[in-house]
Structures are given as C-alpha cells and as structure tokens.
Amino acid sequence: MTGKRHAALLAALCLLVPGIPRAEAAPVEAVEPAVSIAFVGDILLDDSPGRVVKTGGDPFAPFAPILNAADIRVGNLECVVATRGSAEPGKPFTFRAHPRTLKVLARHFDAVALANNHSGDFGPLAFGQMLALLERHHLAYFGGGADLAQAHTPLIIERQGLRIALLGYNEFFPRSFEADTDKPGIAWSEDEQVQLDIANARSRFRADIVIPVMHWGWEHEHGASRRQRQLARLMIDAGADAVVGGHPHVTQDVEHYRGKPIIYSLGNFVFDGFRDADNNTGWLLRLELDRQGVRRWRTFVAHIDRQGIPHPGPRTEGNCWERGQKDATTCAPD
C-alpha cells in the first residue's frame, strides 16, 4: 500500500471507528496587520536639485529602492512650488521651485509636510498655487492648507485596515506664514492646539496611529533643545504614537518615551549649499506600525553630494530598534 493510500485509510478509520483519536488542526494565530512608512527630512527642489530635474535628472533615484520598499513615503517639502508670488521682503533665503519638479517628487512620495519656514517664502498667492499643483499631481499634504481649519486637519492614510493620521507643525519664524480663517498657509505649533488636534485625530477621524511631524529646534545643533523634549512628551501624553522632526539641517538624538520613539531631526535629504559633513548627512527613517503603535524602526543614512542629491550609506551605518528594546542599536548587515 502506498503512503498516500495508507494515510487516506487511516483518516477514514478515525471518522468511522470510535476510540481512534483524530488529528487536530494547529490553531492559526491572528497576524497583526503591519504598515511601513518612510520619512525623510528637508527636500529643496530649487537651486541645484531643481536644475538636475530641469535637465532630466532625478535627485531621488539613488534612494528609490529604499523608498519604494515602504507602503507610505513622506517628506518635508522645504520650499514653495509655484510660478506666482513675490519673495518675502528681508528674508535672507527664499526658495521657489518650478512646478516641473512635482512630477519627479510624486514618483517617489505619497505625501509631503508643508509646516516649515520656507513654504510661505513667496506669499499666500504662491502657497495657494502650490496646493492646487500638489492635488493635480495626486500628492497628499498636511501641516498646511487653504485655511486654518484645513491646516490643522490630519491627513488620514489607510493601509491594511490601519488608519494613520499625520499632523504637521512649524515652530520657526516667520509666523506670518500661518494660515488664517480666510488665508492659505501652514499650521503653527501651540501646545493646547496640538493636544486638541491629536485627540481629534482619534475621536473625529478614527485614527489608529497618530504621528506629528515637527519643524523645530535650533539650526546646526545636534542635541534636541529643552523645548523640543518638553513638547515631544506632551504630544505622546496626548496620544501620539511617535514624533518625527526636522529643521536643524543636521540629525539630532533619538529617544523613547513611554516606549514610543522620538526622532528629533532627520536632517537634510535633498538639499544643496552646505559644506560641512554633518549638514550633508541625513536619515531616511522607516517605521513599521501595527495597532499598538511602532513595532520597529530603523534609519538609513544619506550622504548628500554637491548637487544636493542623497546617496545611501552602508546599511550598518543606520540604527535599529524594535518593541521591547530600551535603546536603539547599530543595524546588523543584511
């Protein structure tokens, strides 16, 4: 008798003859849905990166495989993308990128944060034009909007049944870039409003995960300020699952509060005009999320060349962490 016929006969006997035990199926454990989200720091599409796009290049190409491996890809758009408006008088650096750059940006990103100190460089007219252009290219945005209410409305992205809310806030002047009831602009960081927005993301918008993306801290400072640390804890106490920051043009320290990660600054990503190595070193942060929050995270180091284009460093340059660890450790080789 063949092995297959023997097994079939035994199975039949188990059904017909009392006393012969049946083989019980192993219980199937429910698999928690997981979603990966990649965050990068400052993206400047003016100046050298803009010229790269104009000549048919793609500043994001070296990082495309890492970006494409994530379910959701998010960056801080550190410029206005428009043809209208006038430069903010007296501001030492003003950035306005050509609309052609959005085709390349949309190839690699799903959403952009607008709450920063350069989105309003060319006034409300240019900012409003940028919103329309982003929508035309199917690029979602948060931390800014057509009016104050929209600027404080979370962007909800749903993947694998997991609803993720992204909120964005700026803490670096000029505050004149802030949206108003009848003016487009960005969301400004005020503690009580931030707490309310986080609570609303869960209660009104039914978010499972809430992540504020902050534009804060002092430029070129590697250590987070007392203000950053205080606000990060306030946001987590209010219900945030992680806090991601930028603005200082360098990476800053990382910590965990109540088991939730705070990445104070991702540094630059696509940005030119800096000479120092620390200004030309940034992070791509990859979070893996489930209904309990951040399951694990890791950073990929970006080395930025003279044209402002990031190139991935060795995987072992990054840091890795997973739930249950106290602190992050150096990532092991793949």
Foldseek 3Di string as FASTA:
>chain_A
DDPVVVVVVLQVCCVPPPPDDDDDDDDDDDDFDKFKEKEAEEAACFDLVVVCVVVPHALCVQVQVVLVVGPAYEYAHQAFEFDDAAFDPPDPDAGYHHLSCVLNVLVRHQEYEDAEAHNQRRHQVSNVVRVVSCVVSNRHYEQWDAAQVRNLAWDWDDDPNATETEHEEEADDDPVQHGHHHTTGGHHDDLVSLLVSQVCCCVVVVHLAYEYEYEDAAAPDQEGDPVLVVSQVSNVVSPHQEYHYAHNLFFHDWAADPQGIYGHHQHAAQDADDDDFRSQKGWIKMFMAGSVGTFKIKIWIWGADRSRRTHTDAQQVMWIDGGPDRDIDGDDHD
